Amino acid sequence: MSAAEPTTSGGSEATVAACVTAAVERYLAALDGHAAHDLHRLVIAEVERPLLVTVMAHCDGNLTAAAALLGLNRATVRRKLVQYGLSCPSGN
């Protein structure tokens, strides 16, 4: 198992894909027959914002390090931080 695949307290793997699948299934079930709209945007926003928060904290606010970890360029990370109303560090 790689570092990118954390385990739960029970020892079973908890992949990001499995967590997203379970969350989307719960969301759809909770709709109780009502139509879902703009599900892709909703899921991306629900995942992307906490991803940015976590990575920026991990990188101590260093935009260059966060961009490298995410595999994005700095301008994209900066734009996404602004998009989600997150503090955008200046000067890095």
N, C-alpha and C. Protein backbone atom coordinates (compact mmCIF):
# COMPACT_ATOMS: atom_id res chain seq x y z
N MET A 1 0.85 -1.18 0.00
CA MET A 1 0.00 0.00 0.00
C MET A 1 0.89 1.24 0.00
N SER A 2 0.52 2.23 -0.82
CA SER A 2 1.31 3.45 -0.90
C SER A 2 0.84 4.46 0.12
N ALA A 3 1.62 5.54 0.29
CA ALA A 3 1.25 6.60 1.22
C ALA A 3 -0.02 7.30 0.78
N ALA A 4 -0.35 7.21 -0.50
CA ALA A 4 -1.55 7.87 -1.03
C ALA A 4 -2.81 7.08 -0.72
N GLU A 5 -2.68 5.91 -0.11
CA GLU A 5 -3.83 5.07 0.20
C GLU A 5 -3.91 4.84 1.70
N PRO A 6 -4.49 5.81 2.43
CA PRO A 6 -4.59 5.64 3.88
C PRO A 6 -5.56 4.52 4.24
N THR A 7 -5.43 4.03 5.44
CA THR A 7 -6.36 3.00 5.90
C THR A 7 -7.26 3.58 6.97
N THR A 8 -8.41 2.98 7.12
CA THR A 8 -9.31 3.38 8.19
C THR A 8 -8.88 2.67 9.45
N SER A 9 -9.50 2.97 10.54
CA SER A 9 -9.13 2.34 11.80
C SER A 9 -9.33 0.83 11.76
N GLY A 10 -10.22 0.37 10.89
CA GLY A 10 -10.46 -1.06 10.77
C GLY A 10 -9.45 -1.76 9.88
N GLY A 11 -8.56 -1.00 9.25
CA GLY A 11 -7.53 -1.59 8.42
C GLY A 11 -7.90 -1.70 6.95
N SER A 12 -9.15 -1.43 6.58
CA SER A 12 -9.51 -1.52 5.17
C SER A 12 -9.13 -0.23 4.46
N GLU A 13 -8.83 -0.34 3.18
CA GLU A 13 -8.40 0.83 2.42
C GLU A 13 -9.57 1.78 2.21
N ALA A 14 -9.29 3.07 2.35
CA ALA A 14 -10.29 4.11 2.13
C ALA A 14 -9.76 5.01 1.03
N THR A 15 -10.01 4.64 -0.21
CA THR A 15 -9.52 5.44 -1.32
C THR A 15 -10.41 6.64 -1.52
N VAL A 16 -9.86 7.66 -2.15
CA VAL A 16 -10.66 8.85 -2.46
C VAL A 16 -11.84 8.45 -3.34
N ALA A 17 -11.60 7.60 -4.32
CA ALA A 17 -12.67 7.17 -5.22
C ALA A 17 -13.80 6.48 -4.45
N ALA A 18 -13.45 5.64 -3.50
CA ALA A 18 -14.47 4.96 -2.71
C ALA A 18 -15.27 5.95 -1.86
N CYS A 19 -14.60 6.94 -1.31
CA CYS A 19 -15.28 7.95 -0.51
C CYS A 19 -16.22 8.79 -1.37
N VAL A 20 -15.76 9.17 -2.56
CA VAL A 20 -16.60 9.96 -3.47
C VAL A 20 -17.80 9.13 -3.91
N THR A 21 -17.57 7.88 -4.27
CA THR A 21 -18.66 7.00 -4.69
C THR A 21 -19.72 6.90 -3.60
N ALA A 22 -19.30 6.65 -2.38
CA ALA A 22 -20.24 6.52 -1.26
C ALA A 22 -21.00 7.83 -1.04
N ALA A 23 -20.30 8.96 -1.12
CA ALA A 23 -20.95 10.25 -0.89
C ALA A 23 -21.97 10.56 -1.99
N VAL A 24 -21.63 10.28 -3.24
CA VAL A 24 -22.57 10.54 -4.34
C VAL A 24 -23.77 9.61 -4.22
N GLU A 25 -23.55 8.36 -3.87
CA GLU A 25 -24.67 7.43 -3.69
C GLU A 25 -25.60 7.91 -2.58
N ARG A 26 -25.04 8.39 -1.46
CA ARG A 26 -25.87 8.92 -0.38
C ARG A 26 -26.64 10.16 -0.84
N TYR A 27 -25.98 11.03 -1.58
CA TYR A 27 -26.63 12.25 -2.08
C TYR A 27 -27.80 11.90 -2.99
N LEU A 28 -27.57 10.98 -3.93
CA LEU A 28 -28.63 10.60 -4.86
C LEU A 28 -29.79 9.92 -4.14
N ALA A 29 -29.48 9.09 -3.16
CA ALA A 29 -30.54 8.44 -2.39
C ALA A 29 -31.35 9.46 -1.60
N ALA A 30 -30.69 10.49 -1.09
CA ALA A 30 -31.36 11.52 -0.31
C ALA A 30 -32.28 12.39 -1.16
N LEU A 31 -32.05 12.40 -2.48
CA LEU A 31 -32.92 13.18 -3.37
C LEU A 31 -34.34 12.62 -3.38
N ASP A 32 -34.45 11.35 -3.03
CA ASP A 32 -35.76 10.70 -2.91
C ASP A 32 -36.62 10.90 -4.16
N GLY A 33 -36.04 10.66 -5.32
CA GLY A 33 -36.79 10.76 -6.57
C GLY A 33 -36.78 12.13 -7.22
N HIS A 34 -36.32 13.15 -6.52
CA HIS A 34 -36.22 14.48 -7.12
C HIS A 34 -35.04 14.52 -8.09
N ALA A 35 -35.14 15.37 -9.09
CA ALA A 35 -34.08 15.47 -10.10
C ALA A 35 -32.84 16.16 -9.53
N ALA A 36 -31.68 15.65 -9.91
CA ALA A 36 -30.41 16.28 -9.56
C ALA A 36 -30.02 17.22 -10.69
N HIS A 37 -29.43 18.34 -10.32
CA HIS A 37 -28.99 19.31 -11.31
C HIS A 37 -27.56 19.71 -11.03
N ASP A 38 -26.76 19.82 -12.08
CA ASP A 38 -25.39 20.33 -11.97
C ASP A 38 -24.55 19.51 -11.00
N LEU A 39 -24.73 18.20 -11.04
CA LEU A 39 -24.06 17.31 -10.10
C LEU A 39 -22.54 17.36 -10.24
N HIS A 40 -22.05 17.46 -11.46
CA HIS A 40 -20.60 17.51 -11.67
C HIS A 40 -19.99 18.72 -10.96
N ARG A 41 -20.58 19.90 -11.16
CA ARG A 41 -20.07 21.11 -10.52
C ARG A 41 -20.11 20.97 -8.99
N LEU A 42 -21.20 20.42 -8.48
CA LEU A 42 -21.35 20.23 -7.05
C LEU A 42 -20.25 19.34 -6.48
N VAL A 43 -20.03 18.21 -7.13
CA VAL A 43 -19.02 17.25 -6.63
C VAL A 43 -17.62 17.85 -6.72
N ILE A 44 -17.31 18.49 -7.83
CA ILE A 44 -15.98 19.09 -7.98
C ILE A 44 -15.75 20.14 -6.89
N ALA A 45 -16.73 21.00 -6.66
CA ALA A 45 -16.59 22.03 -5.63
C ALA A 45 -16.46 21.41 -4.24
N GLU A 46 -17.22 20.36 -3.98
CA GLU A 46 -17.17 19.70 -2.67
C GLU A 46 -15.82 19.04 -2.42
N VAL A 47 -15.15 18.60 -3.46
CA VAL A 47 -13.87 17.93 -3.32
C VAL A 47 -12.71 18.93 -3.44
N GLU A 48 -12.82 19.84 -4.40
CA GLU A 48 -11.69 20.73 -4.71
C GLU A 48 -11.38 21.72 -3.59
N ARG A 49 -12.41 22.30 -2.98
CA ARG A 49 -12.16 23.30 -1.93
C ARG A 49 -11.39 22.69 -0.75
N PRO A 50 -11.87 21.58 -0.16
CA PRO A 50 -11.11 21.01 0.95
C PRO A 50 -9.74 20.48 0.52
N LEU A 51 -9.61 20.05 -0.73
CA LEU A 51 -8.31 19.64 -1.24
C LEU A 51 -7.34 20.81 -1.19
N LEU A 52 -7.78 21.97 -1.68
CA LEU A 52 -6.93 23.16 -1.67
C LEU A 52 -6.58 23.58 -0.25
N VAL A 53 -7.57 23.58 0.63
CA VAL A 53 -7.33 23.96 2.03
C VAL A 53 -6.28 23.04 2.66
N THR A 54 -6.45 21.75 2.46
CA THR A 54 -5.55 20.77 3.07
C THR A 54 -4.14 20.87 2.50
N VAL A 55 -4.03 21.01 1.18
CA VAL A 55 -2.71 21.09 0.55
C VAL A 55 -2.01 22.39 0.93
N MET A 56 -2.75 23.50 0.96
CA MET A 56 -2.12 24.77 1.35
C MET A 56 -1.63 24.70 2.79
N ALA A 57 -2.40 24.08 3.68
CA ALA A 57 -1.95 23.93 5.06
C ALA A 57 -0.72 23.03 5.14
N HIS A 58 -0.74 21.95 4.39
CA HIS A 58 0.39 21.01 4.37
C HIS A 58 1.66 21.71 3.89
N CYS A 59 1.50 22.63 2.95
CA CYS A 59 2.65 23.35 2.37
C CYS A 59 2.90 24.68 3.08
N ASP A 60 2.30 24.87 4.25
CA ASP A 60 2.48 26.09 5.04
C ASP A 60 2.23 27.36 4.23
N GLY A 61 1.22 27.31 3.36
CA GLY A 61 0.84 28.47 2.58
C GLY A 61 1.74 28.76 1.39
N ASN A 62 2.69 27.89 1.11
CA ASN A 62 3.61 28.11 0.00
C ASN A 62 2.93 27.69 -1.30
N LEU A 63 2.60 28.68 -2.11
CA LEU A 63 1.86 28.45 -3.35
C LEU A 63 2.65 27.59 -4.33
N THR A 64 3.95 27.83 -4.43
CA THR A 64 4.78 27.05 -5.35
C THR A 64 4.81 25.58 -4.95
N ALA A 65 4.98 25.32 -3.66
CA ALA A 65 5.00 23.94 -3.17
C ALA A 65 3.63 23.27 -3.36
N ALA A 66 2.57 24.02 -3.10
CA ALA A 66 1.22 23.47 -3.27
C ALA A 66 0.96 23.14 -4.73
N ALA A 67 1.35 24.02 -5.62
CA ALA A 67 1.16 23.78 -7.05
C ALA A 67 1.91 22.53 -7.49
N ALA A 68 3.14 22.37 -7.00
CA ALA A 68 3.92 21.18 -7.36
C ALA A 68 3.25 19.91 -6.84
N LEU A 69 2.76 19.96 -5.61
CA LEU A 69 2.11 18.79 -5.02
C LEU A 69 0.84 18.43 -5.78
N LEU A 70 0.09 19.45 -6.21
CA LEU A 70 -1.16 19.23 -6.94
C LEU A 70 -0.94 18.89 -8.41
N GLY A 71 0.25 19.19 -8.93
CA GLY A 71 0.51 18.96 -10.35
C GLY A 71 -0.15 20.02 -11.22
N LEU A 72 -0.31 21.21 -10.65
CA LEU A 72 -0.89 22.34 -11.38
C LEU A 72 0.11 23.48 -11.40
N ASN A 73 -0.11 24.44 -12.29
CA ASN A 73 0.80 25.59 -12.24
C ASN A 73 0.29 26.59 -11.19
N ARG A 74 1.18 27.47 -10.78
CA ARG A 74 0.87 28.42 -9.70
C ARG A 74 -0.34 29.28 -10.03
N ALA A 75 -0.44 29.72 -11.27
CA ALA A 75 -1.54 30.58 -11.67
C ALA A 75 -2.89 29.87 -11.51
N THR A 76 -2.92 28.60 -11.83
CA THR A 76 -4.15 27.82 -11.68
C THR A 76 -4.52 27.68 -10.22
N VAL A 77 -3.56 27.39 -9.38
CA VAL A 77 -3.83 27.26 -7.95
C VAL A 77 -4.31 28.60 -7.39
N ARG A 78 -3.65 29.68 -7.77
CA ARG A 78 -4.04 31.01 -7.31
C ARG A 78 -5.48 31.32 -7.73
N ARG A 79 -5.82 31.02 -8.98
CA ARG A 79 -7.17 31.26 -9.50
C ARG A 79 -8.20 30.45 -8.72
N LYS A 80 -7.87 29.20 -8.42
CA LYS A 80 -8.80 28.35 -7.69
C LYS A 80 -8.96 28.82 -6.24
N LEU A 81 -7.91 29.30 -5.63
CA LEU A 81 -8.02 29.84 -4.28
C LEU A 81 -8.98 31.02 -4.25
N VAL A 82 -8.84 31.91 -5.23
CA VAL A 82 -9.73 33.06 -5.33
C VAL A 82 -11.16 32.59 -5.61
N GLN A 83 -11.32 31.62 -6.51
CA GLN A 83 -12.63 31.10 -6.87
C GLN A 83 -13.39 30.59 -5.65
N TYR A 84 -12.69 29.95 -4.73
CA TYR A 84 -13.33 29.39 -3.55
C TYR A 84 -13.28 30.32 -2.34
N GLY A 85 -12.82 31.55 -2.54
CA GLY A 85 -12.78 32.53 -1.45
C GLY A 85 -11.77 32.20 -0.38
N LEU A 86 -10.71 31.50 -0.77
CA LEU A 86 -9.65 31.14 0.17
C LEU A 86 -8.54 32.18 0.10
N SER A 87 -7.82 32.33 1.18
CA SER A 87 -6.75 33.32 1.18
C SER A 87 -5.66 32.88 0.21
N CYS A 88 -5.25 33.83 -0.57
CA CYS A 88 -4.23 33.59 -1.59
C CYS A 88 -2.96 34.28 -1.13
N PRO A 89 -1.93 33.50 -0.80
CA PRO A 89 -0.70 34.12 -0.30
C PRO A 89 -0.08 35.02 -1.36
N SER A 90 0.45 36.13 -0.93
CA SER A 90 1.11 37.03 -1.88
C SER A 90 2.61 36.82 -1.82
N GLY A 91 3.25 37.02 -2.94
CA GLY A 91 4.70 36.97 -2.98
C GLY A 91 5.32 35.60 -3.14
N ASN A 92 4.52 34.56 -3.38
CA ASN A 92 5.16 33.26 -3.64
C ASN A 92 4.48 32.53 -4.75
